[in-house]
Amino acid sequence: MKILSYLLGALLAILGFIFLTGSQGQLIRLVIGLVLLVAAGAVIYLFRSKPQVTQSTVVQKIDLSGDVNLETMKCKVCGAPLAKESLEVKAGAIFITCAHCGSSYQFEEEPKW
């Protein structure tokens, strides 16, 4: 993007000089040449003074109302408790690998109703 802005500024400056040198006393060509030179300077100045984008981290916190009881996840093959390290996201789906029996399956949450 920076290179493109410099090329645009250079093109505007070249056109401005062409209009100024070829004006032959015509006022409209002088005005157009000056406007092009000012535009070239403005384009280069704006892109040089553009602030740098910094990367930020977004943390979402969920505030649950009422009493909420968390259930421990259990392997549906052997019934052993599962840790959060057992979860893995692949292609947008959550997969669980049991550390006790070694079985691996996709996590499917059942409807609450």
PDB file of N, CA and C in Angstrom:
ATOM      1  N   MET A   1       0.829  -1.189   0.000  1.00  0.00           N
ATOM      2  CA  MET A   1       0.000   0.000   0.000  1.00  0.00           C
ATOM      3  C   MET A   1       0.870   1.248   0.000  1.00  0.00           C
ATOM      4  N   LYS A   2       1.986   1.185   0.727  1.00  0.00           N
ATOM      5  CA  LYS A   2       2.870   2.336   0.804  1.00  0.00           C
ATOM      6  C   LYS A   2       3.496   2.625  -0.559  1.00  0.00           C
ATOM      7  N   ILE A   3       3.907   1.579  -1.258  1.00  0.00           N
ATOM      8  CA  ILE A   3       4.513   1.744  -2.582  1.00  0.00           C
ATOM      9  C   ILE A   3       3.499   2.336  -3.549  1.00  0.00           C
ATOM     10  N   LEU A   4       2.268   1.866  -3.459  1.00  0.00           N
ATOM     11  CA  LEU A   4       1.215   2.373  -4.331  1.00  0.00           C
ATOM     12  C   LEU A   4       0.963   3.858  -4.096  1.00  0.00           C
ATOM     13  N   SER A   5       1.016   4.289  -2.846  1.00  0.00           N
ATOM     14  CA  SER A   5       0.805   5.710  -2.551  1.00  0.00           C
ATOM     15  C   SER A   5       1.953   6.552  -3.098  1.00  0.00           C
ATOM     16  N   TYR A   6       3.190   6.044  -3.003  1.00  0.00           N
ATOM     17  CA  TYR A   6       4.316   6.778  -3.565  1.00  0.00           C
ATOM     18  C   TYR A   6       4.220   6.864  -5.090  1.00  0.00           C
ATOM     19  N   LEU A   7       3.791   5.779  -5.722  1.00  0.00           N
ATOM     20  CA  LEU A   7       3.621   5.804  -7.184  1.00  0.00           C
ATOM     21  C   LEU A   7       2.542   6.794  -7.596  1.00  0.00           C
ATOM     22  N   LEU A   8       1.441   6.822  -6.856  1.00  0.00           N
ATOM     23  CA  LEU A   8       0.372   7.764  -7.151  1.00  0.00           C
ATOM     24  C   LEU A   8       0.853   9.195  -6.957  1.00  0.00           C
ATOM     25  N   GLY A   9       1.599   9.447  -5.888  1.00  0.00           N
ATOM     26  CA  GLY A   9       2.148  10.781  -5.647  1.00  0.00           C
ATOM     27  C   GLY A   9       3.115  11.203  -6.737  1.00  0.00           C
ATOM     28  N   ALA A  10       3.963  10.263  -7.165  1.00  0.00           N
ATOM     29  CA  ALA A  10       4.913  10.572  -8.242  1.00  0.00           C
ATOM     30  C   ALA A  10       4.189  10.853  -9.554  1.00  0.00           C
ATOM     31  N   LEU A  11       3.156  10.094  -9.854  1.00  0.00           N
ATOM     32  CA  LEU A  11       2.384  10.312 -11.078  1.00  0.00           C
ATOM     33  C   LEU A  11       1.712  11.680 -11.064  1.00  0.00           C
ATOM     34  N   LEU A  12       1.117  12.035  -9.932  1.00  0.00           N
ATOM     35  CA  LEU A  12       0.488  13.351  -9.820  1.00  0.00           C
ATOM     36  C   LEU A  12       1.517  14.476  -9.947  1.00  0.00           C
ATOM     37  N   ALA A  13       2.705  14.278  -9.354  1.00  0.00           N
ATOM     38  CA  ALA A  13       3.757  15.293  -9.448  1.00  0.00           C
ATOM     39  C   ALA A  13       4.243  15.454 -10.887  1.00  0.00           C
ATOM     40  N   ILE A  14       4.427  14.353 -11.589  1.00  0.00           N
ATOM     41  CA  ILE A  14       4.866  14.408 -12.994  1.00  0.00           C
ATOM     42  C   ILE A  14       3.825  15.130 -13.837  1.00  0.00           C
ATOM     43  N   LEU A  15       2.559  14.794 -13.652  1.00  0.00           N
ATOM     44  CA  LEU A  15       1.507  15.480 -14.413  1.00  0.00           C
ATOM     45  C   LEU A  15       1.465  16.972 -14.062  1.00  0.00           C
ATOM     46  N   GLY A  16       1.695  17.300 -12.795  1.00  0.00           N
ATOM     47  CA  GLY A  16       1.734  18.703 -12.383  1.00  0.00           C
ATOM     48  C   GLY A  16       2.848  19.461 -13.070  1.00  0.00           C
ATOM     49  N   PHE A  17       4.052  18.848 -13.145  1.00  0.00           N
ATOM     50  CA  PHE A  17       5.169  19.498 -13.827  1.00  0.00           C
ATOM     51  C   PHE A  17       4.903  19.637 -15.327  1.00  0.00           C
ATOM     52  N   ILE A  18       4.261  18.636 -15.903  1.00  0.00           N
ATOM     53  CA  ILE A  18       3.927  18.726 -17.332  1.00  0.00           C
ATOM     54  C   ILE A  18       2.983  19.898 -17.585  1.00  0.00           C
ATOM     55  N   PHE A  19       1.967  20.042 -16.740  1.00  0.00           N
ATOM     56  CA  PHE A  19       1.035  21.151 -16.918  1.00  0.00           C
ATOM     57  C   PHE A  19       1.717  22.496 -16.681  1.00  0.00           C
ATOM     58  N   LEU A  20       2.636  22.570 -15.703  1.00  0.00           N
ATOM     59  CA  LEU A  20       3.321  23.837 -15.428  1.00  0.00           C
ATOM     60  C   LEU A  20       4.265  24.231 -16.559  1.00  0.00           C
ATOM     61  N   THR A  21       5.032  23.238 -17.059  1.00  0.00           N
ATOM     62  CA  THR A  21       5.988  23.570 -18.123  1.00  0.00           C
ATOM     63  C   THR A  21       5.304  23.808 -19.455  1.00  0.00           C
ATOM     64  N   GLY A  22       4.171  23.203 -19.681  1.00  0.00           N
ATOM     65  CA  GLY A  22       3.471  23.378 -20.955  1.00  0.00           C
ATOM     66  C   GLY A  22       2.359  24.400 -20.894  1.00  0.00           C
ATOM     67  N   SER A  23       2.346  25.235 -19.887  1.00  0.00           N
ATOM     68  CA  SER A  23       1.225  26.168 -19.723  1.00  0.00           C
ATOM     69  C   SER A  23       1.219  27.269 -20.777  1.00  0.00           C
ATOM     70  N   GLN A  24       2.383  27.726 -21.211  1.00  0.00           N
ATOM     71  CA  GLN A  24       2.511  28.767 -22.233  1.00  0.00           C
ATOM     72  C   GLN A  24       1.650  29.982 -21.902  1.00  0.00           C
ATOM     73  N   GLY A  25       1.615  30.338 -20.629  1.00  0.00           N
ATOM     74  CA  GLY A  25       0.907  31.532 -20.215  1.00  0.00           C
ATOM     75  C   GLY A  25      -0.582  31.360 -19.984  1.00  0.00           C
ATOM     76  N   GLN A  26      -1.112  30.173 -20.193  1.00  0.00           N
ATOM     77  CA  GLN A  26      -2.543  29.950 -19.962  1.00  0.00           C
ATOM     78  C   GLN A  26      -2.765  29.711 -18.466  1.00  0.00           C
ATOM     79  N   LEU A  27      -3.649  30.483 -17.914  1.00  0.00           N
ATOM     80  CA  LEU A  27      -3.890  30.451 -16.469  1.00  0.00           C
ATOM     81  C   LEU A  27      -4.468  29.117 -16.007  1.00  0.00           C
ATOM     82  N   ILE A  28      -5.362  28.516 -16.798  1.00  0.00           N
ATOM     83  CA  ILE A  28      -6.008  27.260 -16.375  1.00  0.00           C
ATOM     84  C   ILE A  28      -4.986  26.136 -16.252  1.00  0.00           C
ATOM     85  N   ARG A  29      -4.002  26.092 -17.149  1.00  0.00           N
ATOM     86  CA  ARG A  29      -2.965  25.053 -17.070  1.00  0.00           C
ATOM     87  C   ARG A  29      -2.073  25.274 -15.852  1.00  0.00           C
ATOM     88  N   LEU A  30      -1.786  26.518 -15.511  1.00  0.00           N
ATOM     89  CA  LEU A  30      -1.006  26.799 -14.309  1.00  0.00           C
ATOM     90  C   LEU A  30      -1.750  26.348 -13.062  1.00  0.00           C
ATOM     91  N   VAL A  31      -3.040  26.623 -13.017  1.00  0.00           N
ATOM     92  CA  VAL A  31      -3.849  26.231 -11.854  1.00  0.00           C
ATOM     93  C   VAL A  31      -3.910  24.716 -11.739  1.00  0.00           C
ATOM     94  N   ILE A  32      -4.133  24.027 -12.856  1.00  0.00           N
ATOM     95  CA  ILE A  32      -4.202  22.559 -12.832  1.00  0.00           C
ATOM     96  C   ILE A  32      -2.861  21.977 -12.398  1.00  0.00           C
ATOM     97  N   GLY A  33      -1.758  22.529 -12.896  1.00  0.00           N
ATOM     98  CA  GLY A  33      -0.430  22.056 -12.507  1.00  0.00           C
ATOM     99  C   GLY A  33      -0.186  22.228 -11.017  1.00  0.00           C
ATOM    100  N   LEU A  34      -0.562  23.375 -10.479  1.00  0.00           N
ATOM    101  CA  LEU A  34      -0.388  23.609  -9.046  1.00  0.00           C
ATOM    102  C   LEU A  34      -1.278  22.688  -8.208  1.00  0.00           C
ATOM    103  N   VAL A  35      -2.499  22.492  -8.653  1.00  0.00           N
ATOM    104  CA  VAL A  35      -3.407  21.593  -7.927  1.00  0.00           C
ATOM    105  C   VAL A  35      -2.853  20.172  -7.928  1.00  0.00           C
ATOM    106  N   LEU A  36      -2.306  19.720  -9.053  1.00  0.00           N
ATOM    107  CA  LEU A  36      -1.730  18.366  -9.119  1.00  0.00           C
ATOM    108  C   LEU A  36      -0.512  18.237  -8.209  1.00  0.00           C
ATOM    109  N   LEU A  37       0.325  19.265  -8.149  1.00  0.00           N
ATOM    110  CA  LEU A  37       1.493  19.212  -7.268  1.00  0.00           C
ATOM    111  C   LEU A  37       1.075  19.191  -5.797  1.00  0.00           C
ATOM    112  N   VAL A  38       0.081  19.989  -5.454  1.00  0.00           N
ATOM    113  CA  VAL A  38      -0.409  19.982  -4.074  1.00  0.00           C
ATOM    114  C   VAL A  38      -1.029  18.628  -3.733  1.00  0.00           C
ATOM    115  N   ALA A  39      -1.771  18.047  -4.678  1.00  0.00           N
ATOM    116  CA  ALA A  39      -2.377  16.732  -4.444  1.00  0.00           C
ATOM    117  C   ALA A  39      -1.300  15.658  -4.269  1.00  0.00           C
ATOM    118  N   ALA A  40      -0.217  15.740  -5.044  1.00  0.00           N
ATOM    119  CA  ALA A  40       0.880  14.776  -4.904  1.00  0.00           C
ATOM    120  C   ALA A  40       1.503  14.886  -3.519  1.00  0.00           C
ATOM    121  N   GLY A  41       1.738  16.107  -3.075  1.00  0.00           N
ATOM    122  CA  GLY A  41       2.302  16.293  -1.734  1.00  0.00           C
ATOM    123  C   GLY A  41       1.372  15.797  -0.649  1.00  0.00           C
ATOM    124  N   ALA A  42       0.066  16.029  -0.827  1.00  0.00           N
ATOM    125  CA  ALA A  42      -0.913  15.592   0.172  1.00  0.00           C
ATOM    126  C   ALA A  42      -0.986  14.071   0.245  1.00  0.00           C
ATOM    127  N   VAL A  43      -0.972  13.405  -0.904  1.00  0.00           N
ATOM    128  CA  VAL A  43      -1.038  11.934  -0.923  1.00  0.00           C
ATOM    129  C   VAL A  43       0.172  11.343  -0.211  1.00  0.00           C
ATOM    130  N   ILE A  44       1.348  11.858  -0.517  1.00  0.00           N
ATOM    131  CA  ILE A  44       2.561  11.325   0.116  1.00  0.00           C
ATOM    132  C   ILE A  44       2.560  11.632   1.611  1.00  0.00           C
ATOM    133  N   TYR A  45       2.156  12.826   1.995  1.00  0.00           N
ATOM    134  CA  TYR A  45       2.124  13.192   3.419  1.00  0.00           C
ATOM    135  C   TYR A  45       1.130  12.332   4.202  1.00  0.00           C
ATOM    136  N   LEU A  46      -0.067  12.134   3.639  1.00  0.00           N
ATOM    137  CA  LEU A  46      -1.091  11.363   4.357  1.00  0.00           C
ATOM    138  C   LEU A  46      -0.679   9.918   4.569  1.00  0.00           C
ATOM    139  N   PHE A  47      -0.048   9.313   3.576  1.00  0.00           N
ATOM    140  CA  PHE A  47       0.332   7.915   3.736  1.00  0.00           C
ATOM    141  C   PHE A  47       1.581   7.757   4.590  1.00  0.00           C
ATOM    142  N   ARG A  48       2.422   8.783   4.679  1.00  0.00           N
ATOM    143  CA  ARG A  48       3.590   8.694   5.559  1.00  0.00           C
ATOM    144  C   ARG A  48       3.187   8.893   7.002  1.00  0.00           C
ATOM    145  N   SER A  49       2.160   9.707   7.248  1.00  0.00           N
ATOM    146  CA  SER A  49       1.760   9.983   8.633  1.00  0.00           C
ATOM    147  C   SER A  49       0.648   9.063   9.106  1.00  0.00           C
ATOM    148  N   LYS A  50       0.335   8.035   8.340  1.00  0.00           N
ATOM    149  CA  LYS A  50      -0.711   7.081   8.708  1.00  0.00           C
ATOM    150  C   LYS A  50      -0.261   6.299   9.944  1.00  0.00           C
ATOM    151  N   PRO A  51      -1.095   6.233  10.988  1.00  0.00           N
ATOM    152  CA  PRO A  51      -0.687   5.522  12.206  1.00  0.00           C
ATOM    153  C   PRO A  51      -0.541   4.018  11.956  1.00  0.00           C
ATOM    154  N   GLN A  52       0.385   3.426  12.685  1.00  0.00           N
ATOM    155  CA  GLN A  52       0.618   1.992  12.568  1.00  0.00           C
ATOM    156  C   GLN A  52      -0.485   1.225  13.298  1.00  0.00           C
ATOM    157  N   VAL A  53      -0.932   0.148  12.716  1.00  0.00           N
ATOM    158  CA  VAL A  53      -1.980  -0.682  13.306  1.00  0.00           C
ATOM    159  C   VAL A  53      -1.317  -1.675  14.247  1.00  0.00           C
ATOM    160  N   THR A  54      -1.783  -1.704  15.484  1.00  0.00           N
ATOM    161  CA  THR A  54      -1.239  -2.648  16.450  1.00  0.00           C
ATOM    162  C   THR A  54      -2.229  -3.786  16.656  1.00  0.00           C
ATOM    163  N   GLN A  55      -1.687  -4.917  16.984  1.00  0.00           N
ATOM    164  CA  GLN A  55      -2.523  -6.090  17.196  1.00  0.00           C
ATOM    165  C   GLN A  55      -3.017  -6.097  18.636  1.00  0.00           C
ATOM    166  N   SER A  56      -4.275  -6.389  18.812  1.00  0.00           N
ATOM    167  CA  SER A  56      -4.833  -6.418  20.158  1.00  0.00           C
ATOM    168  C   SER A  56      -5.508  -7.761  20.419  1.00  0.00           C
ATOM    169  N   THR A  57      -5.633  -8.088  21.685  1.00  0.00           N
ATOM    170  CA  THR A  57      -6.267  -9.326  22.092  1.00  0.00           C
ATOM    171  C   THR A  57      -7.601  -8.997  22.752  1.00  0.00           C
ATOM    172  N   VAL A  58      -8.635  -9.697  22.333  1.00  0.00           N
ATOM    173  CA  VAL A  58      -9.969  -9.486  22.875  1.00  0.00           C
ATOM    174  C   VAL A  58     -10.289 -10.634  23.829  1.00  0.00           C
ATOM    175  N   VAL A  59     -10.685 -10.293  25.041  1.00  0.00           N
ATOM    176  CA  VAL A  59     -11.062 -11.291  26.038  1.00  0.00           C
ATOM    177  C   VAL A  59     -12.542 -11.108  26.334  1.00  0.00           C
ATOM    178  N   GLN A  60     -13.302 -12.161  26.156  1.00  0.00           N
ATOM    179  CA  GLN A  60     -14.725 -12.106  26.451  1.00  0.00           C
ATOM    180  C   GLN A  60     -14.985 -12.804  27.782  1.00  0.00           C
ATOM    181  N   LYS A  61     -15.756 -12.140  28.612  1.00  0.00           N
ATOM    182  CA  LYS A  61     -16.155 -12.735  29.880  1.00  0.00           C
ATOM    183  C   LYS A  61     -17.669 -12.857  29.871  1.00  0.00           C
ATOM    184  N   ILE A  62     -18.149 -13.989  30.347  1.00  0.00           N
ATOM    185  CA  ILE A  62     -19.576 -14.247  30.357  1.00  0.00           C
ATOM    186  C   ILE A  62     -20.063 -14.160  31.794  1.00  0.00           C
ATOM    187  N   ASP A  63     -21.066 -13.348  31.996  1.00  0.00           N
ATOM    188  CA  ASP A  63     -21.671 -13.214  33.310  1.00  0.00           C
ATOM    189  C   ASP A  63     -22.983 -14.004  33.295  1.00  0.00           C
ATOM    190  N   LEU A  64     -23.018 -15.088  34.040  1.00  0.00           N
ATOM    191  CA  LEU A  64     -24.194 -15.940  34.068  1.00  0.00           C
ATOM    192  C   LEU A  64     -25.101 -15.515  35.212  1.00  0.00           C
ATOM    193  N   SER A  65     -26.361 -15.385  34.908  1.00  0.00           N
ATOM    194  CA  SER A  65     -27.303 -15.001  35.959  1.00  0.00           C
ATOM    195  C   SER A  65     -27.870 -16.251  36.620  1.00  0.00           C
ATOM    196  N   GLY A  66     -28.141 -16.151  37.905  1.00  0.00           N
ATOM    197  CA  GLY A  66     -28.734 -17.275  38.617  1.00  0.00           C
ATOM    198  C   GLY A  66     -27.696 -18.304  39.013  1.00  0.00           C
ATOM    199  N   ASP A  67     -28.184 -19.424  39.511  1.00  0.00           N
ATOM    200  CA  ASP A  67     -27.309 -20.513  39.921  1.00  0.00           C
ATOM    201  C   ASP A  67     -27.022 -21.400  38.716  1.00  0.00           C
ATOM    202  N   VAL A  68     -25.769 -21.571  38.430  1.00  0.00           N
ATOM    203  CA  VAL A  68     -25.371 -22.414  37.310  1.00  0.00           C
ATOM    204  C   VAL A  68     -24.459 -23.502  37.853  1.00  0.00           C
ATOM    205  N   ASN A  69     -24.804 -24.731  37.580  1.00  0.00           N
ATOM    206  CA  ASN A  69     -23.972 -25.856  37.994  1.00  0.00           C
ATOM    207  C   ASN A  69     -23.278 -26.417  36.763  1.00  0.00           C
ATOM    208  N   LEU A  70     -21.968 -26.473  36.835  1.00  0.00           N
ATOM    209  CA  LEU A  70     -21.210 -27.019  35.722  1.00  0.00           C
ATOM    210  C   LEU A  70     -21.132 -28.534  35.874  1.00  0.00           C
ATOM    211  N   GLU A  71     -21.334 -29.208  34.776  1.00  0.00           N
ATOM    212  CA  GLU A  71     -21.235 -30.663  34.782  1.00  0.00           C
ATOM    213  C   GLU A  71     -19.830 -31.053  34.369  1.00  0.00           C
ATOM    214  N   THR A  72     -19.325 -32.121  34.953  1.00  0.00           N
ATOM    215  CA  THR A  72     -18.034 -32.628  34.514  1.00  0.00           C
ATOM    216  C   THR A  72     -18.273 -33.486  33.291  1.00  0.00           C
ATOM    217  N   MET A  73     -17.405 -33.306  32.326  1.00  0.00           N
ATOM    218  CA  MET A  73     -17.544 -34.090  31.099  1.00  0.00           C
ATOM    219  C   MET A  73     -16.972 -35.474  31.339  1.00  0.00           C
ATOM    220  N   LYS A  74     -17.681 -36.479  30.834  1.00  0.00           N
ATOM    221  CA  LYS A  74     -17.247 -37.861  30.988  1.00  0.00           C
ATOM    222  C   LYS A  74     -17.192 -38.517  29.626  1.00  0.00           C
ATOM    223  N   CYS A  75     -16.259 -39.417  29.471  1.00  0.00           N
ATOM    224  CA  CYS A  75     -16.109 -40.160  28.223  1.00  0.00           C
ATOM    225  C   CYS A  75     -17.345 -41.024  28.028  1.00  0.00           C
ATOM    226  N   LYS A  76     -17.917 -41.013  26.835  1.00  0.00           N
ATOM    227  CA  LYS A  76     -19.126 -41.813  26.620  1.00  0.00           C
ATOM    228  C   LYS A  76     -18.806 -43.281  26.343  1.00  0.00           C
ATOM    229  N   VAL A  77     -17.514 -43.633  26.260  1.00  0.00           N
ATOM    230  CA  VAL A  77     -17.142 -45.034  26.069  1.00  0.00           C
ATOM    231  C   VAL A  77     -16.836 -45.691  27.420  1.00  0.00           C
ATOM    232  N   CYS A  78     -15.936 -45.057  28.209  1.00  0.00           N
ATOM    233  CA  CYS A  78     -15.538 -45.686  29.472  1.00  0.00           C
ATOM    234  C   CYS A  78     -16.055 -44.956  30.706  1.00  0.00           C
ATOM    235  N   GLY A  79     -16.557 -43.731  30.555  1.00  0.00           N
ATOM    236  CA  GLY A  79     -17.112 -42.992  31.677  1.00  0.00           C
ATOM    237  C   GLY A  79     -16.089 -42.248  32.512  1.00  0.00           C
ATOM    238  N   ALA A  80     -14.827 -42.227  32.100  1.00  0.00           N
ATOM    239  CA  ALA A  80     -13.781 -41.527  32.843  1.00  0.00           C
ATOM    240  C   ALA A  80     -13.950 -40.017  32.676  1.00  0.00           C
ATOM    241  N   PRO A  81     -13.593 -39.236  33.689  1.00  0.00           N
ATOM    242  CA  PRO A  81     -13.701 -37.774  33.550  1.00  0.00           C
ATOM    243  C   PRO A  81     -12.698 -37.255  32.516  1.00  0.00           C
ATOM    244  N   LEU A  82     -13.123 -36.246  31.756  1.00  0.00           N
ATOM    245  CA  LEU A  82     -12.284 -35.678  30.708  1.00  0.00           C
ATOM    246  C   LEU A  82     -11.752 -34.321  31.148  1.00  0.00           C
ATOM    247  N   ALA A  83     -10.505 -34.042  30.827  1.00  0.00           N
ATOM    248  CA  ALA A  83      -9.894 -32.748  31.134  1.00  0.00           C
ATOM    249  C   ALA A  83     -10.011 -31.845  29.919  1.00  0.00           C
ATOM    250  N   LYS A  84      -9.775 -30.544  30.122  1.00  0.00           N
ATOM    251  CA  LYS A  84      -9.878 -29.616  29.000  1.00  0.00           C
ATOM    252  C   LYS A  84      -8.779 -29.861  27.966  1.00  0.00           C
ATOM    253  N   GLU A  85      -7.692 -30.530  28.360  1.00  0.00           N
ATOM    254  CA  GLU A  85      -6.631 -30.867  27.415  1.00  0.00           C
ATOM    255  C   GLU A  85      -7.075 -31.961  26.440  1.00  0.00           C
ATOM    256  N   SER A  86      -8.183 -32.639  26.752  1.00  0.00           N
ATOM    257  CA  SER A  86      -8.690 -33.701  25.886  1.00  0.00           C
ATOM    258  C   SER A  86      -9.433 -33.145  24.678  1.00  0.00           C
ATOM    259  N   LEU A  87      -9.789 -31.849  24.727  1.00  0.00           N
ATOM    260  CA  LEU A  87     -10.564 -31.236  23.643  1.00  0.00           C
ATOM    261  C   LEU A  87      -9.633 -30.708  22.567  1.00  0.00           C
ATOM    262  N   GLU A  88     -10.076 -30.846  21.310  1.00  0.00           N
ATOM    263  CA  GLU A  88      -9.323 -30.333  20.172  1.00  0.00           C
ATOM    264  C   GLU A  88     -10.318 -29.877  19.106  1.00  0.00           C
ATOM    265  N   VAL A  89     -10.067 -28.734  18.501  1.00  0.00           N
ATOM    266  CA  VAL A  89     -10.959 -28.208  17.468  1.00  0.00           C
ATOM    267  C   VAL A  89     -10.331 -28.474  16.112  1.00  0.00           C
ATOM    268  N   LYS A  90     -11.078 -29.194  15.266  1.00  0.00           N
ATOM    269  CA  LYS A  90     -10.635 -29.498  13.910  1.00  0.00           C
ATOM    270  C   LYS A  90     -11.762 -29.129  12.956  1.00  0.00           C
ATOM    271  N   ALA A  91     -11.483 -28.283  12.015  1.00  0.00           N
ATOM    272  CA  ALA A  91     -12.441 -27.884  10.979  1.00  0.00           C
ATOM    273  C   ALA A  91     -13.755 -27.390  11.579  1.00  0.00           C
ATOM    274  N   GLY A  92     -13.660 -26.664  12.689  1.00  0.00           N
ATOM    275  CA  GLY A  92     -14.839 -26.076  13.308  1.00  0.00           C
ATOM    276  C   GLY A  92     -15.633 -27.009  14.200  1.00  0.00           C
ATOM    277  N   ALA A  93     -15.191 -28.250  14.354  1.00  0.00           N
ATOM    278  CA  ALA A  93     -15.891 -29.206  15.214  1.00  0.00           C
ATOM    279  C   ALA A  93     -15.001 -29.542  16.411  1.00  0.00           C
ATOM    280  N   ILE A  94     -15.621 -29.875  17.522  1.00  0.00           N
ATOM    281  CA  ILE A  94     -14.877 -30.202  18.736  1.00  0.00           C
ATOM    282  C   ILE A  94     -14.727 -31.725  18.822  1.00  0.00           C
ATOM    283  N   PHE A  95     -13.479 -32.185  18.926  1.00  0.00           N
ATOM    284  CA  PHE A  95     -13.193 -33.604  19.050  1.00  0.00           C
ATOM    285  C   PHE A  95     -12.605 -33.878  20.426  1.00  0.00           C
ATOM    286  N   ILE A  96     -12.973 -35.014  20.987  1.00  0.00           N
ATOM    287  CA  ILE A  96     -12.519 -35.410  22.318  1.00  0.00           C
ATOM    288  C   ILE A  96     -11.716 -36.696  22.197  1.00  0.00           C
ATOM    289  N   THR A  97     -10.567 -36.722  22.874  1.00  0.00           N
ATOM    290  CA  THR A  97      -9.764 -37.937  22.943  1.00  0.00           C
ATOM    291  C   THR A  97      -9.610 -38.295  24.413  1.00  0.00           C
ATOM    292  N   CYS A  98     -10.086 -39.456  24.793  1.00  0.00           N
ATOM    293  CA  CYS A  98     -10.041 -39.893  26.189  1.00  0.00           C
ATOM    294  C   CYS A  98      -8.621 -40.349  26.530  1.00  0.00           C
ATOM    295  N   ALA A  99      -8.109 -39.833  27.635  1.00  0.00           N
ATOM    296  CA  ALA A  99      -6.760 -40.199  28.069  1.00  0.00           C
ATOM    297  C   ALA A  99      -6.727 -41.598  28.673  1.00  0.00           C
ATOM    298  N   HIS A 100      -7.882 -42.107  29.129  1.00  0.00           N
ATOM    299  CA  HIS A 100      -7.915 -43.419  29.797  1.00  0.00           C
ATOM    300  C   HIS A 100      -8.057 -44.567  28.807  1.00  0.00           C
ATOM    301  N   CYS A 101      -9.051 -44.473  27.928  1.00  0.00           N
ATOM    302  CA  CYS A 101      -9.290 -45.598  27.012  1.00  0.00           C
ATOM    303  C   CYS A 101      -8.781 -45.330  25.593  1.00  0.00           C
ATOM    304  N   GLY A 102      -8.417 -44.071  25.276  1.00  0.00           N
ATOM    305  CA  GLY A 102      -7.860 -43.752  23.963  1.00  0.00           C
ATOM    306  C   GLY A 102      -8.892 -43.549  22.874  1.00  0.00           C
ATOM    307  N   SER A 103     -10.181 -43.630  23.193  1.00  0.00           N
ATOM    308  CA  SER A 103     -11.202 -43.440  22.164  1.00  0.00           C
ATOM    309  C   SER A 103     -11.293 -41.963  21.781  1.00  0.00           C
ATOM    310  N   SER A 104     -11.654 -41.721  20.524  1.00  0.00           N
ATOM    311  CA  SER A 104     -11.756 -40.359  20.020  1.00  0.00           C
ATOM    312  C   SER A 104     -13.080 -40.222  19.288  1.00  0.00           C
ATOM    313  N   TYR A 105     -13.811 -39.158  19.575  1.00  0.00           N
ATOM    314  CA  TYR A 105     -15.114 -38.937  18.945  1.00  0.00           C
ATOM    315  C   TYR A 105     -15.423 -37.448  18.936  1.00  0.00           C
ATOM    316  N   GLN A 106     -16.411 -37.081  18.103  1.00  0.00           N
ATOM    317  CA  GLN A 106     -16.819 -35.680  18.006  1.00  0.00           C
ATOM    318  C   GLN A 106     -17.795 -35.360  19.126  1.00  0.00           C
ATOM    319  N   PHE A 107     -17.585 -34.211  19.766  1.00  0.00           N
ATOM    320  CA  PHE A 107     -18.446 -33.771  20.856  1.00  0.00           C
ATOM    321  C   PHE A 107     -19.737 -33.219  20.272  1.00  0.00           C
ATOM    322  N   GLU A 108     -20.843 -33.744  20.764  1.00  0.00           N
ATOM    323  CA  GLU A 108     -22.155 -33.274  20.323  1.00  0.00           C
ATOM    324  C   GLU A 108     -22.956 -32.912  21.561  1.00  0.00           C
ATOM    325  N   GLU A 109     -23.357 -31.649  21.642  1.00  0.00           N
ATOM    326  CA  GLU A 109     -24.134 -31.205  22.779  1.00  0.00           C
ATOM    327  C   GLU A 109     -25.594 -31.487  22.517  1.00  0.00           C
ATOM    328  N   GLU A 110     -26.233 -32.101  23.478  1.00  0.00           N
ATOM    329  CA  GLU A 110     -27.644 -32.422  23.316  1.00  0.00           C
ATOM    330  C   GLU A 110     -28.488 -31.206  23.633  1.00  0.00           C
ATOM    331  N   PRO A 111     -29.643 -31.058  23.015  1.00  0.00           N
ATOM    332  CA  PRO A 111     -30.495 -29.908  23.287  1.00  0.00           C
ATOM    333  C   PRO A 111     -30.939 -29.877  24.739  1.00  0.00           C
ATOM    334  N   LYS A 112     -31.180 -28.682  25.240  1.00  0.00           N
ATOM    335  CA  LYS A 112     -31.550 -28.508  26.649  1.00  0.00           C
ATOM    336  C   LYS A 112     -33.026 -28.770  26.917  1.00  0.00           C
ATOM    337  N   TRP A 113     -33.857 -28.812  25.916  1.00  0.00           N
ATOM    338  CA  TRP A 113     -35.292 -28.961  26.145  1.00  0.00           C
ATOM    339  C   TRP A 113     -35.746 -30.371  26.199  1.00  0.00           C
TER     340      TRP A 113
END
